[in-house]
């Protein structure tokens, strides 16, 4: 298990807004399900996710920065 920290959660939310993506659009871009993206975006704090989810999210964040 890996942890998506608050900094990465905020970056994910802000990049989603900057790119004007829906939840489904973001899920499609990252390669995750809409339900998984919804759980991540609605999380209040650090979130434990499996290693594949963590890898896909951090890879996408590094690509859009």
C-alpha atoms as a PDB file:
ATOM      1  CA  UNK A   1       0.000   0.000   0.000  1.00  0.00           C
ATOM      2  CA  UNK A   2       1.121   3.527  -0.810  1.00  0.00           C
ATOM      3  CA  UNK A   3      -0.149   6.843   0.526  1.00  0.00           C
ATOM      4  CA  UNK A   4      -1.414   9.709  -1.615  1.00  0.00           C
ATOM      5  CA  UNK A   5      -0.655  12.702   0.597  1.00  0.00           C
ATOM      6  CA  UNK A   6      -2.625  15.937   0.930  1.00  0.00           C
ATOM      7  CA  UNK A   7      -0.231  17.806  -1.355  1.00  0.00           C
ATOM      8  CA  UNK A   8      -0.809  15.326  -4.188  1.00  0.00           C
ATOM      9  CA  UNK A   9      -4.568  15.312  -3.555  1.00  0.00           C
ATOM     10  CA  UNK A  10      -4.642  19.096  -3.897  1.00  0.00           C
ATOM     11  CA  UNK A  11      -2.480  18.983  -7.040  1.00  0.00           C
ATOM     12  CA  UNK A  12      -4.808  16.366  -8.549  1.00  0.00           C
ATOM     13  CA  UNK A  13      -7.876  18.491  -7.815  1.00  0.00           C
ATOM     14  CA  UNK A  14      -6.311  21.684  -9.148  1.00  0.00           C
ATOM     15  CA  UNK A  15      -5.043  20.035 -12.346  1.00  0.00           C
ATOM     16  CA  UNK A  16      -8.475  18.516 -12.906  1.00  0.00           C
ATOM     17  CA  UNK A  17      -9.971  22.015 -12.671  1.00  0.00           C
ATOM     18  CA  UNK A  18      -7.274  23.625 -14.791  1.00  0.00           C
ATOM     19  CA  UNK A  19      -7.836  21.076 -17.550  1.00  0.00           C
ATOM     20  CA  UNK A  20     -11.628  21.312 -17.137  1.00  0.00           C
ATOM     21  CA  UNK A  21     -11.991  17.536 -16.771  1.00  0.00           C
ATOM     22  CA  UNK A  22     -14.994  15.689 -15.397  1.00  0.00           C
ATOM     23  CA  UNK A  23     -14.454  12.823 -12.984  1.00  0.00           C
ATOM     24  CA  UNK A  24     -14.933  10.371 -15.837  1.00  0.00           C
ATOM     25  CA  UNK A  25     -12.556  12.333 -18.056  1.00  0.00           C
ATOM     26  CA  UNK A  26      -9.890  12.377 -15.369  1.00  0.00           C
ATOM     27  CA  UNK A  27     -10.348   8.663 -14.753  1.00  0.00           C
ATOM     28  CA  UNK A  28      -9.946   7.995 -18.462  1.00  0.00           C
ATOM     29  CA  UNK A  29      -6.795  10.138 -18.683  1.00  0.00           C
ATOM     30  CA  UNK A  30      -5.164   8.460 -15.694  1.00  0.00           C
ATOM     31  CA  UNK A  31      -6.326   4.945 -16.518  1.00  0.00           C
ATOM     32  CA  UNK A  32      -8.401   4.290 -13.399  1.00  0.00           C
ATOM     33  CA  UNK A  33     -12.082   3.643 -12.841  1.00  0.00           C
ATOM     34  CA  UNK A  34     -14.480   6.505 -12.215  1.00  0.00           C
ATOM     35  CA  UNK A  35     -15.262   5.059  -8.786  1.00  0.00           C
ATOM     36  CA  UNK A  36     -11.586   5.018  -7.784  1.00  0.00           C
ATOM     37  CA  UNK A  37     -11.090   8.618  -8.911  1.00  0.00           C
ATOM     38  CA  UNK A  38     -14.210   9.629  -6.988  1.00  0.00           C
ATOM     39  CA  UNK A  39     -12.861   8.032  -3.791  1.00  0.00           C
ATOM     40  CA  UNK A  40      -9.517   9.778  -4.251  1.00  0.00           C
ATOM     41  CA  UNK A  41     -10.992  13.209  -5.003  1.00  0.00           C
ATOM     42  CA  UNK A  42     -13.486  13.024  -2.132  1.00  0.00           C
ATOM     43  CA  UNK A  43     -10.871  11.966   0.410  1.00  0.00           C
ATOM     44  CA  UNK A  44     -10.224  14.381   3.286  1.00  0.00           C
ATOM     45  CA  UNK A  45      -6.668  13.433   4.017  1.00  0.00           C
ATOM     46  CA  UNK A  46      -3.875  11.066   3.188  1.00  0.00           C
ATOM     47  CA  UNK A  47      -5.323   8.062   1.413  1.00  0.00           C
ATOM     48  CA  UNK A  48      -3.906   4.541   1.270  1.00  0.00           C
ATOM     49  CA  UNK A  49      -4.138   3.093  -2.232  1.00  0.00           C
ATOM     50  CA  UNK A  50      -2.665   0.069  -3.946  1.00  0.00           C
ATOM     51  CA  UNK A  51       0.671   0.421  -5.700  1.00  0.00           C
ATOM     52  CA  UNK A  52      -0.771   0.481  -9.241  1.00  0.00           C
ATOM     53  CA  UNK A  53      -3.188   3.298  -8.386  1.00  0.00           C
ATOM     54  CA  UNK A  54      -0.392   5.269  -6.730  1.00  0.00           C
ATOM     55  CA  UNK A  55       1.886   4.748  -9.732  1.00  0.00           C
ATOM     56  CA  UNK A  56      -0.763   5.887 -12.234  1.00  0.00           C
ATOM     57  CA  UNK A  57      -1.724   8.973 -10.218  1.00  0.00           C
ATOM     58  CA  UNK A  58       1.855  10.118  -9.599  1.00  0.00           C
ATOM     59  CA  UNK A  59       2.825   9.446 -13.220  1.00  0.00           C
ATOM     60  CA  UNK A  60      -0.092  11.568 -14.461  1.00  0.00           C
ATOM     61  CA  UNK A  61       0.719  14.360 -12.003  1.00  0.00           C
ATOM     62  CA  UNK A  62       4.333  14.468 -13.141  1.00  0.00           C
ATOM     63  CA  UNK A  63       3.215  14.550 -16.776  1.00  0.00           C
ATOM     64  CA  UNK A  64       0.836  17.515 -16.358  1.00  0.00           C
ATOM     65  CA  UNK A  65       3.133  19.666 -14.205  1.00  0.00           C
END
